């Protein structure tokens, strides 16, 4: 959304052509889109991390396959790889967060047990 508004309001025409004609902007869009999609699926549907990975990877592959058969779109492996990278980054961050949360809870419980043992 930031890119859209900045392109419409702030950027000079020469920079707009340079940035938005670049094929990399499409790949970045796939990466960000699938990162956000993974966040939404993970938050709303509450699938396991592995199920989310397989489901959204399959969806990404199907979307690229569908684009292959459309006349006005191009299927590209780089877009599929960007989809997988966006999914993987979110899942990696989520996994690291969950591990940190478990580690922190175990540490808090251990401290409480030790303090109760000292009191009793």
C-alpha atoms as a PDB file:
ATOM      1  CA  UNK A   1       0.000   0.000   0.000  1.00  0.00           C
ATOM      2  CA  UNK A   2       2.905   2.284   0.789  1.00  0.00           C
ATOM      3  CA  UNK A   3       4.361   1.701  -2.676  1.00  0.00           C
ATOM      4  CA  UNK A   4       0.985   2.427  -4.288  1.00  0.00           C
ATOM      5  CA  UNK A   5       0.447   5.706  -2.469  1.00  0.00           C
ATOM      6  CA  UNK A   6       4.028   6.822  -2.908  1.00  0.00           C
ATOM      7  CA  UNK A   7       3.829   6.037  -6.603  1.00  0.00           C
ATOM      8  CA  UNK A   8       0.646   8.042  -7.031  1.00  0.00           C
ATOM      9  CA  UNK A   9       1.515  11.028  -4.878  1.00  0.00           C
ATOM     10  CA  UNK A  10       5.200  11.480  -4.236  1.00  0.00           C
ATOM     11  CA  UNK A  11       7.498   9.943  -6.817  1.00  0.00           C
ATOM     12  CA  UNK A  12       8.603  11.715  -9.984  1.00  0.00           C
ATOM     13  CA  UNK A  13       7.570  10.066 -13.254  1.00  0.00           C
ATOM     14  CA  UNK A  14      11.106   8.858 -14.089  1.00  0.00           C
ATOM     15  CA  UNK A  15      11.436   7.026 -10.771  1.00  0.00           C
ATOM     16  CA  UNK A  16       7.937   5.526 -11.149  1.00  0.00           C
ATOM     17  CA  UNK A  17       8.905   4.041 -14.504  1.00  0.00           C
ATOM     18  CA  UNK A  18      12.171   2.691 -13.123  1.00  0.00           C
ATOM     19  CA  UNK A  19      10.669   1.091 -10.005  1.00  0.00           C
ATOM     20  CA  UNK A  20       7.341  -0.190 -11.283  1.00  0.00           C
ATOM     21  CA  UNK A  21       8.594  -1.527 -14.627  1.00  0.00           C
ATOM     22  CA  UNK A  22      11.200  -3.627 -12.872  1.00  0.00           C
ATOM     23  CA  UNK A  23      10.419  -7.353 -12.818  1.00  0.00           C
ATOM     24  CA  UNK A  24      11.763  -7.499  -9.269  1.00  0.00           C
ATOM     25  CA  UNK A  25       8.763  -5.527  -7.961  1.00  0.00           C
ATOM     26  CA  UNK A  26       6.519  -8.465  -8.898  1.00  0.00           C
ATOM     27  CA  UNK A  27       8.750 -10.898  -7.035  1.00  0.00           C
ATOM     28  CA  UNK A  28       8.831  -8.618  -3.993  1.00  0.00           C
ATOM     29  CA  UNK A  29       5.042  -8.454  -4.163  1.00  0.00           C
ATOM     30  CA  UNK A  30       4.839 -12.249  -4.152  1.00  0.00           C
ATOM     31  CA  UNK A  31       7.190 -12.444  -1.168  1.00  0.00           C
ATOM     32  CA  UNK A  32       5.268  -9.873   0.886  1.00  0.00           C
ATOM     33  CA  UNK A  33       1.888 -11.198  -0.215  1.00  0.00           C
ATOM     34  CA  UNK A  34       2.618 -14.764   0.816  1.00  0.00           C
ATOM     35  CA  UNK A  35       4.241 -13.608   4.068  1.00  0.00           C
ATOM     36  CA  UNK A  36       1.010 -11.779   4.960  1.00  0.00           C
ATOM     37  CA  UNK A  37      -1.158 -14.644   3.673  1.00  0.00           C
ATOM     38  CA  UNK A  38       0.750 -17.088   5.883  1.00  0.00           C
ATOM     39  CA  UNK A  39       0.258 -14.782   8.858  1.00  0.00           C
ATOM     40  CA  UNK A  40      -3.481 -14.618   8.180  1.00  0.00           C
ATOM     41  CA  UNK A  41      -3.858 -18.370   7.667  1.00  0.00           C
ATOM     42  CA  UNK A  42      -1.789 -19.081  10.760  1.00  0.00           C
ATOM     43  CA  UNK A  43      -3.778 -16.612  12.866  1.00  0.00           C
ATOM     44  CA  UNK A  44      -7.302 -17.350  11.631  1.00  0.00           C
ATOM     45  CA  UNK A  45      -7.353 -21.019  10.660  1.00  0.00           C
ATOM     46  CA  UNK A  46      -4.749 -22.125  13.227  1.00  0.00           C
ATOM     47  CA  UNK A  47      -3.199 -24.896  11.142  1.00  0.00           C
ATOM     48  CA  UNK A  48       0.051 -26.439  12.296  1.00  0.00           C
ATOM     49  CA  UNK A  49       3.198 -24.875  10.900  1.00  0.00           C
ATOM     50  CA  UNK A  50       3.923 -27.881   8.684  1.00  0.00           C
ATOM     51  CA  UNK A  51       0.356 -28.026   7.335  1.00  0.00           C
ATOM     52  CA  UNK A  52       0.482 -24.300   6.623  1.00  0.00           C
ATOM     53  CA  UNK A  53       3.752 -24.731   4.727  1.00  0.00           C
ATOM     54  CA  UNK A  54       2.400 -27.519   2.512  1.00  0.00           C
ATOM     55  CA  UNK A  55      -1.008 -25.927   1.951  1.00  0.00           C
ATOM     56  CA  UNK A  56       0.277 -22.496   0.955  1.00  0.00           C
ATOM     57  CA  UNK A  57       3.110 -23.952  -1.116  1.00  0.00           C
ATOM     58  CA  UNK A  58       0.539 -25.969  -3.039  1.00  0.00           C
ATOM     59  CA  UNK A  59      -1.593 -22.837  -3.444  1.00  0.00           C
ATOM     60  CA  UNK A  60       1.426 -20.899  -4.739  1.00  0.00           C
ATOM     61  CA  UNK A  61       2.208 -23.645  -7.257  1.00  0.00           C
ATOM     62  CA  UNK A  62      -1.405 -23.745  -8.434  1.00  0.00           C
ATOM     63  CA  UNK A  63      -1.531 -19.971  -8.825  1.00  0.00           C
ATOM     64  CA  UNK A  64       1.590 -20.006 -10.997  1.00  0.00           C
ATOM     65  CA  UNK A  65       0.212 -22.914 -13.003  1.00  0.00           C
ATOM     66  CA  UNK A  66      -3.005 -20.967 -13.523  1.00  0.00           C
ATOM     67  CA  UNK A  67      -1.038 -17.953 -14.705  1.00  0.00           C
ATOM     68  CA  UNK A  68       0.685 -20.166 -17.274  1.00  0.00           C
ATOM     69  CA  UNK A  69      -2.648 -20.764 -18.992  1.00  0.00           C
ATOM     70  CA  UNK A  70      -3.800 -17.130 -18.875  1.00  0.00           C
ATOM     71  CA  UNK A  71      -2.908 -15.052 -21.890  1.00  0.00           C
ATOM     72  CA  UNK A  72      -2.235 -11.860 -19.985  1.00  0.00           C
ATOM     73  CA  UNK A  73      -0.090 -13.311 -17.172  1.00  0.00           C
ATOM     74  CA  UNK A  74       3.247 -15.115 -17.080  1.00  0.00           C
ATOM     75  CA  UNK A  75       4.109 -18.044 -14.852  1.00  0.00           C
ATOM     76  CA  UNK A  76       7.600 -17.655 -13.410  1.00  0.00           C
ATOM     77  CA  UNK A  77       9.621 -19.909 -11.162  1.00  0.00           C
ATOM     78  CA  UNK A  78      11.072 -16.838  -9.435  1.00  0.00           C
ATOM     79  CA  UNK A  79       7.580 -15.860  -8.295  1.00  0.00           C
ATOM     80  CA  UNK A  80       6.999 -19.354  -6.939  1.00  0.00           C
ATOM     81  CA  UNK A  81      10.342 -19.232  -5.122  1.00  0.00           C
ATOM     82  CA  UNK A  82       9.379 -15.839  -3.689  1.00  0.00           C
ATOM     83  CA  UNK A  83       6.088 -17.358  -2.491  1.00  0.00           C
ATOM     84  CA  UNK A  84       7.975 -20.162  -0.756  1.00  0.00           C
ATOM     85  CA  UNK A  85      10.462 -17.684   0.731  1.00  0.00           C
ATOM     86  CA  UNK A  86       7.657 -15.511   2.138  1.00  0.00           C
ATOM     87  CA  UNK A  87       5.918 -18.546   3.644  1.00  0.00           C
ATOM     88  CA  UNK A  88       9.175 -19.895   5.046  1.00  0.00           C
ATOM     89  CA  UNK A  89      10.266 -16.611   6.597  1.00  0.00           C
ATOM     90  CA  UNK A  90       6.983 -16.203   8.451  1.00  0.00           C
ATOM     91  CA  UNK A  91       7.017 -19.803   9.645  1.00  0.00           C
ATOM     92  CA  UNK A  92      10.644 -19.513  10.741  1.00  0.00           C
ATOM     93  CA  UNK A  93       9.885 -16.353  12.724  1.00  0.00           C
ATOM     94  CA  UNK A  94       6.776 -17.955  14.243  1.00  0.00           C
ATOM     95  CA  UNK A  95       8.722 -21.095  15.186  1.00  0.00           C
ATOM     96  CA  UNK A  96      11.497 -19.029  16.792  1.00  0.00           C
ATOM     97  CA  UNK A  97       8.902 -17.000  18.708  1.00  0.00           C
ATOM     98  CA  UNK A  98       7.182 -20.141  19.993  1.00  0.00           C
ATOM     99  CA  UNK A  99      10.499 -21.678  21.078  1.00  0.00           C
ATOM    100  CA  UNK A 100      11.434 -18.442  22.873  1.00  0.00           C
ATOM    101  CA  UNK A 101       8.041 -18.320  24.569  1.00  0.00           C
ATOM    102  CA  UNK A 102       8.367 -21.926  25.788  1.00  0.00           C
ATOM    103  CA  UNK A 103      11.923 -21.268  27.010  1.00  0.00           C
ATOM    104  CA  UNK A 104      10.781 -18.165  28.884  1.00  0.00           C
ATOM    105  CA  UNK A 105       7.826 -19.940  30.495  1.00  0.00           C
ATOM    106  CA  UNK A 106      10.030 -22.823  31.640  1.00  0.00           C
ATOM    107  CA  UNK A 107      12.459 -20.344  33.136  1.00  0.00           C
ATOM    108  CA  UNK A 108       9.688 -18.490  34.988  1.00  0.00           C
ATOM    109  CA  UNK A 109       8.283 -21.757  36.350  1.00  0.00           C
ATOM    110  CA  UNK A 110      11.747 -22.844  37.467  1.00  0.00           C
ATOM    111  CA  UNK A 111      12.321 -19.550  39.289  1.00  0.00           C
ATOM    112  CA  UNK A 112       8.936 -19.843  41.039  1.00  0.00           C
ATOM    113  CA  UNK A 113       9.666 -23.418  42.118  1.00  0.00           C
ATOM    114  CA  UNK A 114      13.059 -22.403  43.509  1.00  0.00           C
ATOM    115  CA  UNK A 115      11.586 -19.416  45.365  1.00  0.00           C
ATOM    116  CA  UNK A 116       8.832 -21.588  46.888  1.00  0.00           C
ATOM    117  CA  UNK A 117      11.411 -24.170  47.957  1.00  0.00           C
ATOM    118  CA  UNK A 118      13.426 -21.457  49.697  1.00  0.00           C
ATOM    119  CA  UNK A 119      10.334 -20.165  51.493  1.00  0.00           C
ATOM    120  CA  UNK A 120       9.060 -23.583  52.589  1.00  0.00           C
END
